[in-house]
Amino acid sequence: MLHSRSTLSRSALSACLLLALGACGEAPAPPAAATMPASTPEAITTRTGTPDGSAAPVTGLDGGAVRTFLVSQYGELAQLSGDWPGTPVADGLGRDAASREVCAREAIGTPDAGAELVAVCGVPDDAGHATTARIDFFLLRDGADAVTAAARAHMDGFGSTGDVADVAVRRFGPRLYGFVVEDGFTGQGITIGNSSLVLPDGDGFKIAATLRSSLDNLGAMAGCAERDDCGQDAAYDLSFELGIDDRDASAAAWPLRVHEQGEACGRRVERTHQVPFDVASGTWTVPASLQREGCD
């Protein structure tokens, strides 16, 4: 069963996604088609002001129209709230049988041109520890007769046990919105958490940066403590908080500021990394220190 992306915490990332013991629970019985509404009430409404508090209104799409689009992609069981079983009916979204749900949805349009970013996450049937999640990203706009996808992409390289910790829409520039995908993996007692930044790219999407969100070897240290053969100052336990420097109103995309803190092999770490955006490649230039697997 998919977990709510709005409430899953960092502790859940370690306890649920990242343990090699399997998924957290059993999937519920599929919803009956007869119980699905023909359309759903508006769930994303016009918001006055952007995330930074400026005055420009941000406008979304009619909920019923968005659900109609989802039905055209995934079949009659698709819905805006809750999960549904089955395989996609549209091309380009993979052929995996999975339990899917809308895991992120946010208004990003203007009053005269409504638009939304929508992500659909899927946990494949019989997912094991090494199974990645299936995520479909959409940039939806008002069309002449129906909601249409101005950009779309199917990706399957995130997460473990068929799931991810969180997917959220975030503003990365004055007029640039994208997704942040939080996922991770545990192997040999080392837990690695990642933040992947996914941006619209033409009629598709691309991963514009991948950087650490957490890094620890607590599982390995517990094992060596039992054997009484731990190396001196070998433990590390670090967190990385993603921030955005939004001071430049003319930037195509804002640089990132990542605050790293914790313990790393016998010393306290407290520092901030500046991550610039490269306009030519359309990606952030992530330093090796934010992609490492242990101490510096």
Protein backbone atom coordinates (compact mmCIF):
# COMPACT_ATOMS: atom_id res chain seq x y z
CA MET A 1 0.00 0.00 0.00
CA LEU A 2 1.27 3.44 -0.86
CA HIS A 3 2.01 5.73 2.05
CA SER A 4 0.69 9.30 2.23
CA ARG A 5 3.36 11.54 0.78
CA SER A 6 2.19 14.51 2.83
CA THR A 7 2.81 12.88 6.19
CA LEU A 8 5.67 10.40 5.78
CA SER A 9 8.58 11.57 7.96
CA ARG A 10 12.33 10.99 7.86
CA SER A 11 11.92 8.36 10.57
CA ALA A 12 9.47 6.54 8.33
CA LEU A 13 12.06 6.61 5.56
CA SER A 14 14.44 4.62 7.73
CA ALA A 15 11.83 2.40 9.39
CA CYS A 16 9.69 1.63 6.35
CA LEU A 17 11.43 2.14 3.02
CA LEU A 18 15.01 1.49 3.83
CA LEU A 19 14.98 -1.73 5.82
CA ALA A 20 15.64 -4.91 3.94
CA LEU A 21 12.74 -6.60 5.65
CA GLY A 22 10.23 -5.77 2.91
CA ALA A 23 7.27 -3.48 2.56
CA CYS A 24 5.41 -1.98 5.50
CA GLY A 25 2.02 -3.57 5.00
CA GLU A 26 -0.39 -5.39 2.77
CA ALA A 27 -2.21 -3.62 -0.05
CA PRO A 28 -5.94 -3.11 0.53
CA ALA A 29 -8.56 -4.77 -1.60
CA PRO A 30 -9.05 -2.97 -4.95
CA PRO A 31 -11.89 -0.45 -4.98
CA ALA A 32 -14.98 -1.49 -6.87
CA ALA A 33 -15.52 0.32 -10.15
CA ALA A 34 -19.14 0.98 -9.26
CA THR A 35 -18.08 3.08 -6.29
CA MET A 36 -15.94 5.46 -8.35
CA PRO A 37 -17.47 8.91 -8.87
CA ALA A 38 -17.98 10.14 -12.40
CA SER A 39 -15.98 13.20 -11.43
CA THR A 40 -14.56 14.65 -8.25
CA PRO A 41 -14.93 18.08 -6.68
CA GLU A 42 -12.27 20.69 -7.31
CA ALA A 43 -9.27 19.72 -5.19
CA ILE A 44 -6.71 22.29 -6.37
CA THR A 45 -8.13 25.79 -6.32
CA THR A 46 -6.74 29.17 -7.25
CA ARG A 47 -4.29 30.35 -4.60
CA THR A 48 -3.65 34.05 -4.07
CA GLY A 49 0.08 34.46 -3.97
CA THR A 50 3.03 32.26 -4.81
CA PRO A 51 5.04 30.21 -2.28
CA ASP A 52 7.36 33.15 -1.59
CA GLY A 53 4.44 35.44 -0.73
CA SER A 54 4.40 37.55 -3.92
CA ALA A 55 1.09 38.83 -5.26
CA ALA A 56 0.74 36.83 -8.49
CA PRO A 57 -2.16 34.36 -8.28
CA VAL A 58 -1.50 30.69 -9.02
CA THR A 59 -4.32 28.82 -10.74
CA GLY A 60 -4.99 25.10 -11.07
CA LEU A 61 -7.44 22.94 -13.01
CA ASP A 62 -10.91 21.52 -12.44
CA GLY A 63 -10.70 18.31 -10.42
CA GLY A 64 -13.21 16.47 -12.59
CA ALA A 65 -11.25 17.32 -15.72
CA VAL A 66 -8.01 16.11 -14.15
CA ARG A 67 -9.65 12.81 -13.16
CA THR A 68 -10.95 12.41 -16.73
CA PHE A 69 -7.37 12.77 -17.94
CA LEU A 70 -6.18 10.15 -15.44
CA VAL A 71 -8.89 7.75 -16.60
CA SER A 72 -7.62 8.15 -20.17
CA GLN A 73 -4.16 7.10 -18.95
CA TYR A 74 -4.90 4.42 -16.33
CA GLY A 75 -8.47 3.24 -16.87
CA GLU A 76 -11.79 3.74 -15.08
CA LEU A 77 -10.46 3.03 -11.58
CA ALA A 78 -8.11 6.05 -11.61
CA GLN A 79 -9.00 8.72 -9.07
CA LEU A 80 -7.60 11.83 -7.39
CA SER A 81 -7.68 10.49 -3.83
CA GLY A 82 -6.76 6.96 -2.78
CA ASP A 83 -5.08 4.19 -4.75
CA TRP A 84 -6.23 1.95 -7.57
CA PRO A 85 -4.94 -1.33 -9.09
CA GLY A 86 -4.12 -2.35 -12.64
CA THR A 87 -1.89 -1.46 -15.58
CA PRO A 88 -1.88 1.80 -17.58
CA VAL A 89 -4.03 1.90 -20.70
CA ALA A 90 -2.03 4.68 -22.41
CA ASP A 91 1.30 4.15 -24.14
CA GLY A 92 4.53 5.37 -22.57
CA LEU A 93 3.61 4.63 -18.93
CA GLY A 94 5.01 1.11 -18.66
CA ARG A 95 3.10 -2.16 -18.46
CA ASP A 96 3.62 -2.96 -14.78
CA ALA A 97 0.66 -4.10 -12.72
CA ALA A 98 0.78 -1.87 -9.66
CA SER A 99 -1.18 -0.08 -6.98
CA ARG A 100 -1.13 3.59 -8.00
CA GLU A 101 -2.13 6.92 -6.52
CA VAL A 102 -1.75 10.64 -7.16
CA CYS A 103 1.25 11.35 -4.91
CA ALA A 104 1.73 15.03 -5.79
CA ARG A 105 -0.54 17.65 -7.31
CA GLU A 106 -0.03 21.41 -7.28
CA ALA A 107 -1.42 24.43 -9.12
CA ILE A 108 1.23 26.35 -11.11
CA GLY A 109 -0.82 28.22 -13.75
CA THR A 110 -2.09 31.77 -14.19
CA PRO A 111 -5.70 33.05 -14.14
CA ASP A 112 -5.83 32.98 -17.95
CA ALA A 113 -3.97 29.68 -18.34
CA GLY A 114 -4.58 27.13 -15.59
CA ALA A 115 -1.93 24.46 -15.12
CA GLU A 116 -0.85 21.79 -12.64
CA LEU A 117 2.04 19.50 -11.96
CA VAL A 118 0.82 15.98 -11.15
CA ALA A 119 2.77 12.86 -10.18
CA VAL A 120 1.31 9.35 -10.09
CA CYS A 121 3.27 6.84 -7.98
CA GLY A 122 2.96 3.08 -8.34
CA VAL A 123 4.06 0.17 -6.13
CA PRO A 124 4.46 -2.85 -8.42
CA ASP A 125 2.63 -6.01 -7.42
CA ASP A 126 4.85 -8.39 -5.40
CA ALA A 127 7.53 -5.71 -4.94
CA GLY A 128 10.68 -6.89 -3.15
CA HIS A 129 13.42 -4.97 -1.36
CA ALA A 130 15.28 -4.05 -4.57
CA THR A 131 12.12 -3.15 -6.54
CA THR A 132 11.96 0.52 -7.49
CA ALA A 133 8.82 2.63 -7.60
CA ARG A 134 7.07 3.60 -10.83
CA ILE A 135 6.45 7.37 -11.07
CA ASP A 136 4.70 9.20 -13.89
CA PHE A 137 5.19 12.97 -14.08
CA PHE A 138 2.75 15.27 -15.89
CA LEU A 139 2.54 18.97 -16.68
CA LEU A 140 -1.19 19.46 -17.31
CA ARG A 141 -2.76 22.48 -19.00
CA ASP A 142 -6.23 23.60 -19.99
CA GLY A 143 -6.93 22.57 -23.58
CA ALA A 144 -9.70 23.65 -25.91
CA ASP A 145 -11.91 20.72 -24.94
CA ALA A 146 -10.05 18.87 -22.19
CA VAL A 147 -7.01 18.84 -19.94
CA THR A 148 -3.89 17.89 -21.91
CA ALA A 149 -0.32 16.92 -21.00
CA ALA A 150 2.16 19.53 -22.19
CA ALA A 151 4.94 17.34 -20.76
CA ARG A 152 5.04 13.78 -19.44
CA ALA A 153 7.57 11.15 -18.40
CA HIS A 154 7.60 7.63 -16.93
CA MET A 155 10.51 6.90 -14.56
CA ASP A 156 11.29 3.77 -12.56
CA GLY A 157 14.65 4.43 -10.90
CA PHE A 158 13.54 5.71 -7.49
CA GLY A 159 13.11 4.03 -4.12
CA SER A 160 13.09 0.49 -2.77
CA THR A 161 10.40 -2.05 -1.83
CA GLY A 162 8.49 -0.47 -4.72
CA ASP A 163 7.93 2.84 -2.95
CA VAL A 164 9.46 6.24 -2.21
CA ALA A 165 9.32 8.36 0.93
CA ASP A 166 7.81 11.50 -0.58
CA VAL A 167 7.05 13.35 -3.81
CA ALA A 168 6.31 17.08 -3.65
CA VAL A 169 6.03 20.04 -6.01
CA ARG A 170 8.45 22.88 -5.33
CA ARG A 171 9.23 26.24 -6.90
CA PHE A 172 12.79 26.43 -8.25
CA GLY A 173 12.75 29.76 -10.06
CA PRO A 174 10.56 32.83 -10.62
CA ARG A 175 8.55 30.86 -13.19
CA LEU A 176 9.99 27.37 -12.74
CA TYR A 177 8.29 24.54 -10.84
CA GLY A 178 9.32 20.92 -10.52
CA PHE A 179 9.23 17.87 -8.27
CA VAL A 180 11.37 16.76 -5.34
CA VAL A 181 11.48 12.96 -4.96
CA GLU A 182 12.73 11.66 -1.61
CA ASP A 183 13.89 8.07 -1.59
CA GLY A 184 16.62 5.86 -0.18
CA PHE A 185 18.12 2.44 0.33
CA THR A 186 19.87 0.40 3.00
CA GLY A 187 22.65 -2.06 2.22
CA GLN A 188 25.24 -3.68 4.51
CA GLY A 189 24.17 -1.43 7.37
CA ILE A 190 24.60 1.82 5.42
CA THR A 191 21.49 3.94 4.84
CA ILE A 192 21.50 6.50 2.04
CA GLY A 193 18.66 9.01 1.56
CA ASN A 194 18.41 11.02 -1.66
CA SER A 195 16.62 14.10 -2.94
CA SER A 196 16.12 14.08 -6.71
CA LEU A 197 14.96 17.27 -8.43
CA VAL A 198 12.83 16.59 -11.51
CA LEU A 199 12.09 19.45 -13.93
CA PRO A 200 9.95 19.82 -17.07
CA ASP A 201 12.15 19.50 -20.17
CA GLY A 202 10.43 20.17 -23.48
CA ASP A 203 7.60 17.68 -23.74
CA GLY A 204 9.17 15.48 -21.04
CA PHE A 205 10.90 15.68 -17.66
CA LYS A 206 14.50 15.18 -16.57
CA ILE A 207 16.40 14.65 -13.33
CA ALA A 208 18.21 17.96 -12.87
CA ALA A 209 20.01 17.06 -9.62
CA THR A 210 20.44 14.18 -7.19
CA LEU A 211 21.93 14.87 -3.77
CA ARG A 212 22.01 13.33 -0.33
CA SER A 213 19.24 13.96 2.18
CA SER A 214 20.68 11.61 4.84
CA LEU A 215 23.67 9.33 5.29
CA ASP A 216 24.52 6.96 8.14
CA ASN A 217 26.18 3.65 8.94
CA LEU A 218 24.33 2.99 12.20
CA GLY A 219 23.35 -0.50 11.12
CA ALA A 220 26.95 -1.42 10.35
CA MET A 221 28.12 0.04 13.66
CA ALA A 222 25.55 -1.98 15.58
CA GLY A 223 26.85 -5.13 13.93
CA CYS A 224 30.50 -4.41 14.64
CA ALA A 225 29.65 -3.50 18.25
CA GLU A 226 28.18 -6.98 18.69
CA ARG A 227 31.38 -8.45 17.29
CA ASP A 228 33.51 -6.01 19.32
CA ASP A 229 35.57 -5.04 16.27
CA CYS A 230 34.41 -1.46 15.51
CA GLY A 231 37.03 0.80 13.96
CA GLN A 232 37.97 3.89 15.92
CA ASP A 233 35.79 6.87 14.99
CA ALA A 234 34.16 4.91 12.16
CA ALA A 235 30.56 6.02 12.74
CA TYR A 236 28.75 8.69 10.76
CA ASP A 237 25.21 10.03 10.95
CA LEU A 238 24.47 13.06 8.77
CA SER A 239 21.43 15.00 7.55
CA PHE A 240 21.23 17.40 4.62
CA GLU A 241 18.51 20.08 4.54
CA LEU A 242 17.64 21.35 1.08
CA GLY A 243 17.11 25.11 0.77
CA ILE A 244 16.68 27.48 -2.17
CA ASP A 245 18.30 30.90 -2.57
CA ASP A 246 15.40 32.80 -4.16
CA ARG A 247 16.83 36.33 -4.02
CA ASP A 248 17.43 36.74 -7.79
CA ALA A 249 14.10 37.60 -9.41
CA SER A 250 15.65 37.38 -12.90
CA ALA A 251 17.20 33.91 -12.59
CA ALA A 252 16.06 31.05 -14.82
CA ALA A 253 16.46 28.77 -11.79
CA TRP A 254 17.67 29.56 -8.30
CA PRO A 255 20.81 28.07 -6.73
CA LEU A 256 20.44 25.57 -3.91
CA ARG A 257 21.74 25.86 -0.36
CA VAL A 258 22.20 22.54 1.42
CA HIS A 259 22.84 22.58 5.17
CA GLU A 260 24.78 19.52 6.33
CA GLN A 261 25.01 18.59 10.00
CA GLY A 262 25.74 15.62 12.22
CA GLU A 263 28.63 13.40 13.25
CA ALA A 264 31.20 12.11 10.79
CA CYS A 265 33.99 9.81 11.90
CA GLY A 266 34.86 11.47 15.18
CA ARG A 267 34.09 15.08 14.36
CA ARG A 268 31.06 17.35 14.39
CA VAL A 269 29.98 18.59 10.95
CA GLU A 270 28.08 21.85 10.46
CA ARG A 271 28.39 23.46 7.03
CA THR A 272 26.40 24.85 4.10
CA HIS A 273 26.98 23.84 0.48
CA GLN A 274 26.20 26.24 -2.38
CA VAL A 275 24.90 24.45 -5.49
CA PRO A 276 24.73 26.67 -8.60
CA PHE A 277 22.40 26.12 -11.55
CA ASP A 278 24.00 25.64 -14.96
CA VAL A 279 21.73 27.26 -17.54
CA ALA A 280 23.42 25.57 -20.50
CA SER A 281 22.71 22.05 -19.26
CA GLY A 282 19.55 22.89 -17.30
CA THR A 283 20.92 21.12 -14.23
CA TRP A 284 22.40 21.97 -10.84
CA THR A 285 26.12 21.37 -10.43
CA VAL A 286 26.13 19.04 -7.42
CA PRO A 287 29.51 18.65 -5.67
CA ALA A 288 30.88 15.20 -4.89
CA SER A 289 30.52 15.90 -1.17
CA LEU A 290 26.73 15.82 -1.59
CA GLN A 291 26.82 12.46 -3.38
CA ARG A 292 29.29 10.61 -1.17
CA GLU A 293 28.69 7.33 0.64
CA GLY A 294 30.78 7.93 3.79
CA CYS A 295 33.00 10.49 5.48
CA ASP A 296 34.90 13.03 3.37
